[in-house]
Amino acid sequence: YSAEFKAKVALEAIREELTTAELAKKYDIHPTMISGWKRTAIENMAQAFTGQATAEPTISAAEVGKLHVKIGQLVVERDFLLEASSLIPGTGGKKR
């Protein structure tokens, strides 16, 4: 199940507008799963208020450099193959 679905069901369980058995029947899942999702949601709820945004993964300058080298290599290869394919009759290779 997706995280969004689990959160939706857990929130309904926390609201207690329906019993766990009713929710289980409504979503065709086992009541134990709902209880677990509800418990997990309650235990982790404080993290939503820590004020710390989820950090973007950091990438080092060395990794950026490697990626630029790879991009350059791929551009050279693409241009070479484009030029080579334009020399072969009937292949439909097009020059820029």
Protein backbone atom coordinates (compact mmCIF):
# COMPACT_ATOMS: atom_id res chain seq x y z
CA TYR A 1 0.00 0.00 0.00
CA SER A 2 1.18 3.53 -0.70
CA ALA A 3 2.20 5.86 2.08
CA GLU A 4 -0.68 8.18 1.16
CA PHE A 5 -3.20 5.37 1.47
CA LYS A 6 -1.79 4.27 4.84
CA ALA A 7 -1.89 7.87 6.11
CA LYS A 8 -5.49 8.27 4.95
CA VAL A 9 -6.62 5.08 6.68
CA ALA A 10 -4.59 5.85 9.83
CA LEU A 11 -6.14 9.32 10.03
CA GLU A 12 -9.62 7.85 9.75
CA ALA A 13 -8.73 5.39 12.51
CA ILE A 14 -7.43 8.20 14.73
CA ARG A 15 -10.64 10.19 14.20
CA GLU A 16 -12.61 7.13 15.39
CA GLU A 17 -15.66 7.97 13.29
CA LEU A 18 -15.74 4.29 12.27
CA THR A 19 -14.54 1.28 14.21
CA THR A 20 -11.40 -0.52 13.12
CA ALA A 21 -13.59 -3.41 11.91
CA GLU A 22 -15.71 -1.02 9.84
CA LEU A 23 -12.60 0.57 8.32
CA ALA A 24 -11.20 -2.88 7.56
CA LYS A 25 -14.38 -3.79 5.72
CA LYS A 26 -14.50 -0.40 3.95
CA TYR A 27 -10.95 -0.72 2.59
CA ASP A 28 -10.84 -4.54 2.42
CA ILE A 29 -7.74 -4.83 4.63
CA HIS A 30 -7.05 -6.63 7.89
CA PRO A 31 -7.88 -4.72 11.10
CA THR A 32 -4.41 -5.47 12.49
CA MET A 33 -2.86 -3.52 9.61
CA ILE A 34 -5.04 -0.52 10.41
CA SER A 35 -4.08 -0.69 14.09
CA GLY A 36 -0.40 -0.81 13.16
CA TRP A 37 -0.69 2.13 10.78
CA LYS A 38 -2.58 4.11 13.42
CA ARG A 39 0.08 3.35 16.04
CA THR A 40 2.89 4.31 13.63
CA ALA A 41 1.14 7.55 12.68
CA ILE A 42 0.69 8.56 16.31
CA GLU A 43 4.29 7.66 17.22
CA ASN A 44 5.70 9.68 14.33
CA MET A 45 3.32 12.61 14.48
CA ALA A 46 5.74 14.83 16.44
CA GLN A 47 8.21 14.74 13.56
CA ALA A 48 5.79 16.79 11.47
CA PHE A 49 6.24 19.67 13.91
CA THR A 50 10.01 19.64 14.32
CA GLY A 51 10.35 22.52 11.87
CA GLN A 52 13.07 20.75 9.97
CA ALA A 53 12.30 20.46 6.30
CA THR A 54 13.44 17.34 4.59
CA ALA A 55 16.86 18.14 3.24
CA GLU A 56 17.67 17.71 -0.39
CA PRO A 57 20.37 15.13 -0.94
CA THR A 58 23.71 16.84 -1.17
CA ILE A 59 26.05 16.26 -4.05
CA SER A 60 29.73 17.02 -3.86
CA ALA A 61 31.67 19.13 -6.31
CA ALA A 62 33.59 16.02 -7.35
CA GLU A 63 30.33 14.25 -8.26
CA VAL A 64 29.20 17.29 -10.25
CA GLY A 65 32.53 17.28 -12.06
CA LYS A 66 32.17 13.59 -12.91
CA LEU A 67 28.68 14.22 -14.28
CA HIS A 68 29.91 17.11 -16.44
CA VAL A 69 32.66 14.90 -17.85
CA LYS A 70 30.11 12.17 -18.62
CA ILE A 71 27.77 14.66 -20.29
CA GLY A 72 30.63 15.94 -22.44
CA GLN A 73 31.56 12.40 -23.44
CA LEU A 74 27.98 11.57 -24.40
CA VAL A 75 27.63 14.76 -26.45
CA VAL A 76 30.81 13.94 -28.38
CA GLU A 77 29.63 10.36 -29.00
CA ARG A 78 26.19 11.52 -30.12
CA ASP A 79 27.66 14.09 -32.51
CA PHE A 80 30.10 11.52 -33.94
CA LEU A 81 27.34 8.98 -34.52
CA LEU A 82 25.07 11.60 -36.05
CA GLU A 83 27.83 12.62 -38.47
CA ALA A 84 28.68 9.00 -39.28
CA SER A 85 25.05 8.06 -39.92
CA SER A 86 24.65 10.94 -42.35
CA LEU A 87 27.43 9.45 -44.51
CA ILE A 88 25.65 6.12 -44.97
CA PRO A 89 23.23 6.24 -47.90
CA GLY A 90 19.67 5.21 -47.18
CA THR A 91 19.93 5.34 -43.39
CA GLY A 92 18.05 8.57 -43.06
CA GLY A 93 20.80 10.11 -40.97
CA LYS A 94 20.41 13.85 -40.82
CA LYS A 95 22.98 16.52 -40.31
CA ARG A 96 22.23 19.41 -38.05
